[in-house]
Protein backbone atom coordinates (compact mmCIF):
# COMPACT_ATOMS: atom_id res chain seq x y z
CA MET A 1 28.38 -44.52 80.24
CA SER A 2 29.64 -43.76 76.76
CA LEU A 3 32.23 -41.11 75.86
CA VAL A 4 29.53 -38.84 74.33
CA ASP A 5 27.46 -39.04 77.53
CA GLU A 6 30.48 -38.19 79.64
CA LEU A 7 31.25 -35.18 77.48
CA LEU A 8 27.69 -34.00 77.66
CA ALA A 9 27.71 -34.49 81.37
CA ASP A 10 30.86 -32.43 81.69
CA PHE A 11 29.78 -29.46 79.64
CA SER A 12 25.99 -29.37 79.41
CA PRO A 13 24.35 -27.36 82.24
CA SER A 14 21.03 -29.18 81.68
CA VAL A 15 22.31 -32.59 82.77
CA SER A 16 22.03 -33.53 86.39
CA PRO A 17 25.42 -34.09 88.12
CA ALA A 18 24.12 -36.83 90.41
CA SER A 19 23.01 -39.04 87.51
CA SER A 20 25.95 -38.50 85.23
CA ARG A 21 29.13 -38.10 87.25
CA SER A 22 30.52 -38.35 90.73
CA ALA A 23 30.76 -35.52 93.22
CA SER A 24 34.57 -35.38 92.97
CA VAL A 25 34.52 -34.60 89.24
CA GLU A 26 31.73 -31.96 89.46
CA PRO A 27 33.76 -29.07 91.05
CA GLU A 28 36.60 -29.63 88.57
CA ALA A 29 34.25 -29.36 85.55
CA GLU A 30 32.59 -26.28 87.03
CA ILE A 31 35.98 -24.59 87.37
CA ILE A 32 36.75 -25.35 83.72
CA GLU A 33 33.38 -24.03 82.62
CA GLU A 34 33.83 -20.84 84.63
CA ASN A 35 37.27 -20.23 83.19
CA LEU A 36 36.05 -20.79 79.67
CA GLU A 37 33.22 -18.29 80.16
CA LYS A 38 35.49 -15.71 81.86
CA ASP A 39 37.68 -15.44 78.75
CA VAL A 40 36.68 -12.04 77.30
CA GLU A 41 38.20 -12.52 73.87
CA PHE A 42 36.40 -15.80 73.13
CA SER A 43 33.33 -15.33 75.36
CA SER A 44 30.84 -15.21 72.47
CA GLU A 45 32.34 -18.34 70.82
CA ILE A 46 32.24 -20.30 74.10
CA GLU A 47 28.68 -19.18 74.79
CA SER A 48 27.51 -20.22 71.29
CA ALA A 49 29.26 -23.57 71.71
CA SER A 50 27.36 -24.17 74.96
CA ARG A 51 24.03 -23.29 73.34
CA LEU A 52 24.79 -25.52 70.40
CA LEU A 53 25.67 -28.39 72.78
CA ASP A 54 22.24 -28.07 74.45
CA THR A 55 20.48 -28.05 71.05
CA LEU A 56 22.49 -30.90 69.65
CA ASN A 57 22.03 -33.39 72.49
CA PRO A 58 18.28 -34.22 71.88
CA LEU A 59 18.78 -34.23 68.11
CA LEU A 60 21.53 -36.82 68.34
CA GLN A 61 19.24 -39.00 70.46
CA LYS A 62 16.53 -38.76 67.83
CA ILE A 63 19.06 -39.64 65.12
CA ASP A 64 19.97 -42.80 67.02
CA GLU A 65 16.33 -43.75 67.20
CA TYR A 66 15.61 -43.14 63.51
CA MET A 67 18.80 -44.92 62.38
CA LYS A 68 17.37 -48.10 63.82
CA GLN A 69 14.14 -47.70 61.79
CA ASN A 70 13.47 -48.01 58.08
CA ALA A 71 12.48 -44.62 56.62
CA SER A 72 9.40 -44.38 54.44
CA ALA A 73 8.64 -41.55 51.99
CA ALA A 74 4.89 -42.33 51.71
CA GLY A 75 2.52 -39.36 51.79
CA ASP A 76 3.56 -35.75 51.91
CA VAL A 77 7.28 -35.48 52.55
CA GLU A 78 6.99 -32.10 54.31
CA ASP A 79 4.75 -33.64 57.02
CA ASN A 80 7.07 -36.54 57.77
CA PRO A 81 8.68 -36.02 61.27
CA GLU A 82 11.90 -37.72 60.13
CA TYR A 83 12.16 -35.40 57.19
CA LYS A 84 11.77 -32.39 59.49
CA LEU A 85 14.57 -33.76 61.65
CA LEU A 86 16.66 -34.23 58.53
CA VAL A 87 16.27 -30.55 57.58
CA GLN A 88 16.88 -29.39 61.17
CA VAL A 89 20.13 -31.29 61.71
CA ASN A 90 21.29 -30.33 58.27
CA ASP A 91 20.89 -26.68 59.14
CA LEU A 92 23.14 -27.24 62.16
CA ALA A 93 25.99 -28.58 60.09
CA VAL A 94 27.26 -25.11 59.16
CA GLU A 95 27.01 -23.91 62.76
CA ILE A 96 28.91 -26.96 63.97
CA THR A 97 31.71 -26.34 61.52
CA THR A 98 31.97 -22.70 62.64
CA THR A 99 32.05 -23.79 66.30
CA ILE A 100 34.84 -26.28 65.59
CA VAL A 101 36.94 -23.49 64.05
CA SER A 102 36.26 -21.21 67.01
CA LEU A 103 37.24 -23.86 69.53
CA TYR A 104 40.39 -24.59 67.47
CA LYS A 105 41.41 -20.94 67.66
CA TYR A 106 40.69 -20.87 71.40
CA ALA A 107 42.74 -24.02 72.09
CA ALA A 108 45.62 -22.79 69.89
CA GLU A 109 45.66 -19.45 71.70
CA LYS A 110 45.86 -21.13 75.15
CA TYR A 111 48.35 -23.85 74.16
CA ARG A 112 50.70 -21.63 72.15
CA PRO A 113 52.94 -20.81 75.18
CA ARG A 114 53.70 -24.53 75.64
CA PHE A 115 54.32 -25.59 72.02
CA PRO A 116 54.08 -22.67 69.56
CA GLU A 117 55.29 -24.71 66.54
CA LEU A 118 52.43 -27.22 66.83
CA GLU A 119 49.89 -24.83 65.30
CA SER A 120 51.88 -24.53 62.04
CA LEU A 121 52.72 -28.26 61.81
CA VAL A 122 49.27 -29.80 62.46
CA LEU A 123 46.76 -27.88 60.40
CA ASN A 124 43.70 -30.08 60.92
CA PRO A 125 41.71 -28.83 63.94
CA VAL A 126 40.67 -32.32 65.04
CA ASP A 127 44.22 -33.70 64.77
CA TYR A 128 45.48 -30.65 66.62
CA ALA A 129 43.10 -31.29 69.51
CA LYS A 130 44.05 -34.97 69.62
CA THR A 131 47.72 -34.04 69.68
CA ILE A 132 47.21 -31.73 72.62
CA GLN A 133 45.40 -34.44 74.54
CA VAL A 134 48.23 -36.89 73.92
CA VAL A 135 51.15 -34.56 74.55
CA GLY A 136 49.87 -32.19 77.18
CA ASN A 137 52.81 -30.73 79.13
CA GLU A 138 55.12 -33.60 78.17
CA VAL A 139 56.56 -31.88 75.11
CA GLY A 140 60.13 -32.85 76.02
CA SER A 141 59.26 -36.57 76.05
CA ILE A 142 57.29 -36.52 72.79
CA THR A 143 59.65 -39.21 71.46
CA ASP A 144 58.02 -41.77 73.74
CA LEU A 145 54.56 -40.85 72.36
CA ARG A 146 55.35 -41.44 68.69
CA VAL A 147 53.38 -44.69 68.57
CA THR A 148 50.23 -42.99 69.93
CA LEU A 149 50.61 -40.01 67.62
CA SER A 150 51.06 -42.25 64.59
CA GLU A 151 47.53 -43.51 65.02
CA PHE A 152 46.08 -40.24 63.62
CA LEU A 153 49.09 -38.34 62.23
CA PRO A 154 51.33 -39.16 59.24
CA ALA A 155 54.81 -40.48 60.02
CA ALA A 156 56.45 -37.44 58.44
CA ILE A 157 54.49 -35.04 60.71
CA VAL A 158 55.39 -37.11 63.79
CA MET A 159 59.06 -36.93 62.87
CA VAL A 160 58.91 -33.14 62.45
CA LEU A 161 57.06 -32.76 65.76
CA THR A 162 59.81 -34.77 67.45
CA VAL A 163 62.54 -32.49 66.12
CA SER A 164 60.60 -29.30 66.83
CA ALA A 165 59.84 -30.33 70.40
CA VAL A 166 63.58 -30.51 71.12
CA THR A 167 64.34 -27.02 69.88
CA SER A 168 61.09 -25.40 71.07
CA LYS A 169 61.40 -22.49 73.48
CA SER A 170 58.31 -22.57 75.68
CA ARG A 171 57.06 -22.77 79.22
CA GLU A 172 54.93 -25.41 80.96
CA LEU A 173 51.26 -24.71 81.47
CA THR A 174 49.76 -24.69 84.91
CA ALA A 175 47.33 -27.37 85.91
CA GLU A 176 44.36 -25.04 85.56
CA GLU A 177 45.49 -23.84 82.10
CA LEU A 178 45.96 -27.39 80.92
CA LYS A 179 42.45 -28.32 82.16
CA ILE A 180 40.95 -25.46 80.19
CA VAL A 181 42.80 -26.47 76.99
CA ASN A 182 41.78 -30.11 77.40
CA ALA A 183 38.16 -29.07 77.95
CA ALA A 184 38.14 -27.09 74.69
CA CYS A 185 39.76 -30.01 72.84
CA GLU A 186 37.17 -32.46 74.20
CA ARG A 187 34.36 -30.18 73.01
CA LEU A 188 36.00 -29.87 69.59
CA ILE A 189 36.36 -33.63 69.17
CA PHE A 190 32.76 -34.14 70.31
CA PHE A 191 31.42 -31.62 67.76
CA ASP A 192 33.47 -33.25 65.03
CA SER A 193 32.06 -36.71 65.82
CA ALA A 194 28.56 -35.24 65.92
CA ASN A 195 29.13 -33.56 62.55
CA ARG A 196 30.29 -36.81 60.95
CA LYS A 197 27.28 -38.60 62.47
CA ILE A 198 24.90 -36.01 61.05
CA THR A 199 26.54 -36.22 57.63
CA GLN A 200 26.24 -40.00 57.61
CA TYR A 201 22.61 -39.84 58.69
CA VAL A 202 21.70 -37.20 56.06
CA ALA A 203 23.46 -39.14 53.30
CA THR A 204 21.65 -42.35 54.32
CA LYS A 205 18.15 -40.94 54.66
CA LEU A 206 18.29 -38.53 51.77
CA SER A 207 18.28 -41.41 49.28
CA VAL A 208 14.80 -42.26 50.67
CA PHE A 209 13.21 -38.78 50.67
CA ALA A 210 14.96 -37.36 47.59
CA PRO A 211 16.52 -40.25 45.62
CA ASN A 212 16.64 -38.51 42.24
CA THR A 213 18.21 -35.30 43.52
CA ALA A 214 20.77 -37.29 45.49
CA ALA A 215 21.56 -39.39 42.44
CA LEU A 216 22.09 -36.26 40.34
CA VAL A 217 24.37 -34.10 42.53
CA GLY A 218 25.33 -36.47 45.36
CA ALA A 219 23.87 -36.86 48.83
CA ALA A 220 26.19 -34.30 50.46
CA THR A 221 25.45 -31.54 47.95
CA ALA A 222 21.71 -32.34 47.93
CA ALA A 223 21.62 -32.07 51.72
CA GLN A 224 23.29 -28.65 51.57
CA LEU A 225 20.84 -27.45 48.95
CA PHE A 226 17.89 -28.67 51.02
CA GLY A 227 19.13 -26.84 54.08
CA ALA A 228 19.66 -23.56 52.17
CA ALA A 229 16.36 -23.74 50.25
CA GLY A 230 14.21 -24.74 53.23
CA GLY A 231 13.42 -28.28 52.27
CA LEU A 232 12.33 -30.17 49.18
CA ARG A 233 9.32 -27.98 48.41
CA GLY A 234 11.39 -24.80 48.56
CA LEU A 235 14.00 -26.32 46.28
CA SER A 236 11.39 -27.37 43.76
CA ARG A 237 9.90 -23.86 43.64
CA MET A 238 13.24 -22.12 43.24
CA PRO A 239 14.21 -20.80 39.79
CA SER A 240 17.26 -22.47 38.31
CA CYS A 241 19.02 -19.12 37.92
CA ASN A 242 19.04 -18.72 41.75
CA MET A 243 20.35 -22.25 42.39
CA PRO A 244 24.07 -21.49 42.07
CA ALA A 245 23.79 -18.67 44.62
CA LEU A 246 22.91 -21.09 47.46
CA GLY A 247 25.79 -21.34 49.89
CA VAL A 248 27.75 -18.34 48.61
CA ASN A 249 29.53 -16.41 51.36
CA ARG A 250 28.68 -12.89 50.21
CA ARG A 251 30.62 -11.15 52.99
CA ASN A 252 33.93 -12.61 51.73
CA GLN A 253 32.97 -12.57 48.06
CA THR A 254 35.31 -10.57 45.79
CA ASN A 255 36.14 -10.53 42.15
CA ILE A 256 39.66 -11.79 42.92
CA GLY A 257 40.41 -15.44 42.39
CA LEU A 258 37.86 -16.27 39.70
CA GLY A 259 40.68 -17.50 37.48
CA ASN A 260 39.65 -19.02 34.17
CA THR A 261 36.22 -20.17 35.50
CA GLY A 262 34.47 -16.79 35.37
CA VAL A 263 32.01 -18.11 37.97
CA ARG A 264 31.02 -15.55 40.60
CA GLN A 265 28.46 -17.64 42.46
CA GLN A 266 30.62 -20.46 43.85
CA GLY A 267 28.13 -22.05 46.19
CA TYR A 268 27.12 -25.60 47.08
CA LEU A 269 26.32 -26.60 43.51
CA TYR A 270 29.68 -25.33 42.24
CA PHE A 271 31.55 -27.69 44.56
CA SER A 272 29.51 -30.74 43.59
CA PRO A 273 31.56 -33.63 42.12
CA ILE A 274 30.04 -33.32 38.65
CA ILE A 275 31.15 -29.68 38.32
CA GLN A 276 34.56 -30.11 39.94
CA ARG A 277 35.54 -32.75 37.36
CA LEU A 278 35.09 -30.22 34.53
CA PRO A 279 37.85 -27.98 33.13
CA ASP A 280 37.87 -24.44 34.48
CA ASP A 281 36.64 -22.88 31.22
CA LEU A 282 33.56 -25.16 31.09
CA ARG A 283 32.38 -24.90 34.72
CA ARG A 284 30.19 -21.89 34.11
CA GLN A 285 28.30 -23.61 31.30
CA GLY A 286 28.12 -26.88 33.23
CA LEU A 287 26.76 -25.06 36.29
CA ARG A 288 23.98 -23.54 34.21
CA ILE A 289 23.03 -26.93 32.79
CA LEU A 290 23.08 -28.70 36.12
CA ALA A 291 21.07 -26.02 37.94
CA GLY A 292 18.07 -26.47 35.68
CA LYS A 293 18.10 -30.25 36.12
CA VAL A 294 18.30 -30.03 39.94
CA THR A 295 15.01 -28.13 39.97
CA LEU A 296 13.39 -30.78 37.77
CA MET A 297 14.64 -33.66 39.98
CA ALA A 298 13.34 -31.87 43.12
CA ARG A 299 9.90 -31.72 41.50
CA VAL A 300 10.13 -35.41 40.59
CA ASP A 301 10.99 -36.28 44.22
CA LEU A 302 8.18 -34.11 45.52
CA ALA A 303 5.69 -35.94 43.30
CA HIS A 304 7.03 -39.44 44.29
CA SER A 305 7.10 -40.43 40.64
CA SER A 306 10.49 -42.23 40.73
CA LEU A 307 11.23 -43.67 44.14
CA ASP A 308 14.22 -45.78 43.02
CA GLY A 309 16.20 -42.80 41.70
CA SER A 310 16.25 -44.07 38.12
CA THR A 311 15.24 -40.69 36.69
CA GLY A 312 18.09 -38.99 38.49
CA ASN A 313 20.61 -41.55 37.27
CA LYS A 314 19.41 -41.16 33.69
CA MET A 315 19.55 -37.40 33.93
CA ARG A 316 23.08 -37.58 35.37
CA GLU A 317 24.25 -39.80 32.52
CA LYS A 318 22.67 -37.42 29.99
CA ILE A 319 24.40 -34.39 31.57
CA GLU A 320 27.73 -36.14 31.69
CA GLU A 321 27.42 -37.10 28.03
CA THR A 322 26.62 -33.48 27.14
CA LEU A 323 29.52 -32.14 29.17
CA GLU A 324 31.84 -34.71 27.68
CA LYS A 325 30.98 -33.49 24.22
CA LEU A 326 31.64 -29.92 25.26
CA ALA A 327 34.98 -30.85 26.75
CA GLY A 328 36.09 -32.88 23.72
CA PRO A 329 37.90 -31.48 20.68
CA PRO A 330 35.84 -30.05 17.79
CA PRO A 331 34.95 -32.50 15.02
CA SER A 332 37.62 -32.77 12.33
CA ASN A 333 36.15 -32.62 8.79
CA GLY A 334 39.45 -33.50 7.08
CA PRO A 335 40.61 -32.33 3.62
CA ARG A 336 37.73 -31.84 1.23
CA ALA A 337 38.07 -33.31 -2.29
CA LEU A 338 37.78 -31.02 -5.27
CA PRO A 339 34.60 -31.33 -7.30
CA ALA A 340 34.72 -33.40 -10.51
CA PRO A 341 35.57 -31.30 -13.57
CA ASP A 342 32.70 -30.47 -15.88
CA ASP A 343 33.74 -30.79 -19.57
CA LYS A 344 30.61 -29.27 -20.93
CA LEU A 345 30.96 -25.96 -22.65
CA SER A 346 29.43 -23.17 -20.76
CA LYS A 347 26.60 -21.52 -22.55
CA ARG A 348 26.97 -17.81 -22.90
CA ARG A 349 24.60 -15.40 -24.42
CA GLY A 350 25.88 -12.94 -27.04
CA GLY A 351 25.58 -9.21 -26.84
CA ARG A 352 27.43 -5.90 -26.97
CA ARG A 353 29.02 -6.38 -23.55
CA LEU A 354 30.37 -9.79 -24.45
CA ARG A 355 31.76 -8.54 -27.81
CA LYS A 356 33.57 -5.73 -26.11
CA TYR A 357 35.01 -8.21 -23.60
CA LYS A 358 36.30 -10.49 -26.40
CA GLN A 359 37.87 -7.51 -28.21
CA GLN A 360 40.27 -7.04 -25.32
CA PHE A 361 41.87 -10.36 -26.07
CA ALA A 362 41.50 -10.44 -29.84
CA MET A 363 44.49 -10.48 -32.22
CA THR A 364 45.35 -7.07 -33.67
CA ASP A 365 45.83 -6.32 -37.41
CA VAL A 366 49.57 -5.87 -37.00
CA ARG A 367 49.90 -9.24 -35.39
CA LYS A 368 47.87 -10.81 -38.16
CA ALA A 369 50.16 -9.20 -40.83
CA GLN A 370 53.23 -10.60 -39.08
CA ASN A 371 51.87 -14.09 -39.14
CA ARG A 372 50.66 -13.93 -42.76
CA MET A 373 52.58 -16.13 -45.26
CA ARG A 374 52.78 -15.41 -49.02
CA PHE A 375 51.93 -18.25 -51.40
CA GLY A 376 54.67 -19.45 -53.85
CA GLU A 377 57.63 -17.47 -52.40
CA GLN A 378 60.60 -19.09 -50.66
CA ASP A 379 61.58 -17.74 -47.27
CA GLY A 380 65.19 -17.05 -46.42
CA ASP A 381 67.31 -19.62 -44.66
CA TYR A 382 68.78 -18.21 -41.43
CA ILE A 383 70.67 -21.35 -40.33
CA GLU A 384 73.88 -20.15 -42.04
């Protein structure tokens, strides 16, 4: 029996105990399940995790079956059963991420009396759960576990954990408390592995059902857009002005933190690689350009006119070229040369206005008398 099957057998109420585990393990798992459900503070999170586990189990089995087959996009994409599975598991990705965060908070709350510093040192929920499984109640002898911890933690974090464990003021957990924490950690690790499996499956199959959209914005972003828009047909019918709003958390949306971007609708498309590479002041314009092209590529995929994704690659290159021009410096014209002088006399018409203009600069009679020289008379010599 694989690790996933054992986890499902431990926590899923729909699995038969006789076929999945021995009679000695069954009462222990039931005690853990009862204690998890009795927790009033996290009762809703634990209940949603149990429901998600029951929903996820058959979908993972279908994914294993389809991964062994070669997908085909012939005919109407919306009627393809594998495409329906693709949209369904993609919708569960957000719920899985939320469940992982809830289980992380639950495990941190229960394990905090044993090692309170661990929560601030190991920030990744999956690494936190793995650390709890390795350390357990043996916080004082964490030095002997450095080799095991180094398999998934950086060496610097392991060193800080060793020092913090020596100076930590805590109490040991009871056997029942430790079982509850380990059960939550096992669920968390299982959901993380399922999430990575779904992401890999969506990224692999999306290049078959929507090759041009995946080539334009990436497989991960395209999968998120498909899940939010309700499939390929819904994405192709959506106006480009509504595209950036997909994936925006409106409950936590404020005007604070916009920075130099000026982008309010920071959804799935905003966090695509092609937008994140742009400077902050150009992301709003780049988002507007990219949103219109995503709608066009979705229509191309729906019509099966470019199954190799060449149209999407060409469109991506064209967009990157346009954005590169926008990000570059303005063209430098350089110093302009003066026009060649024109030696021709300008032709002016005569008239009363022109004569009056010339009289302003004409020589007066007094000046003419001063400059007048008499003929035959000798001027005085002023050199002496």
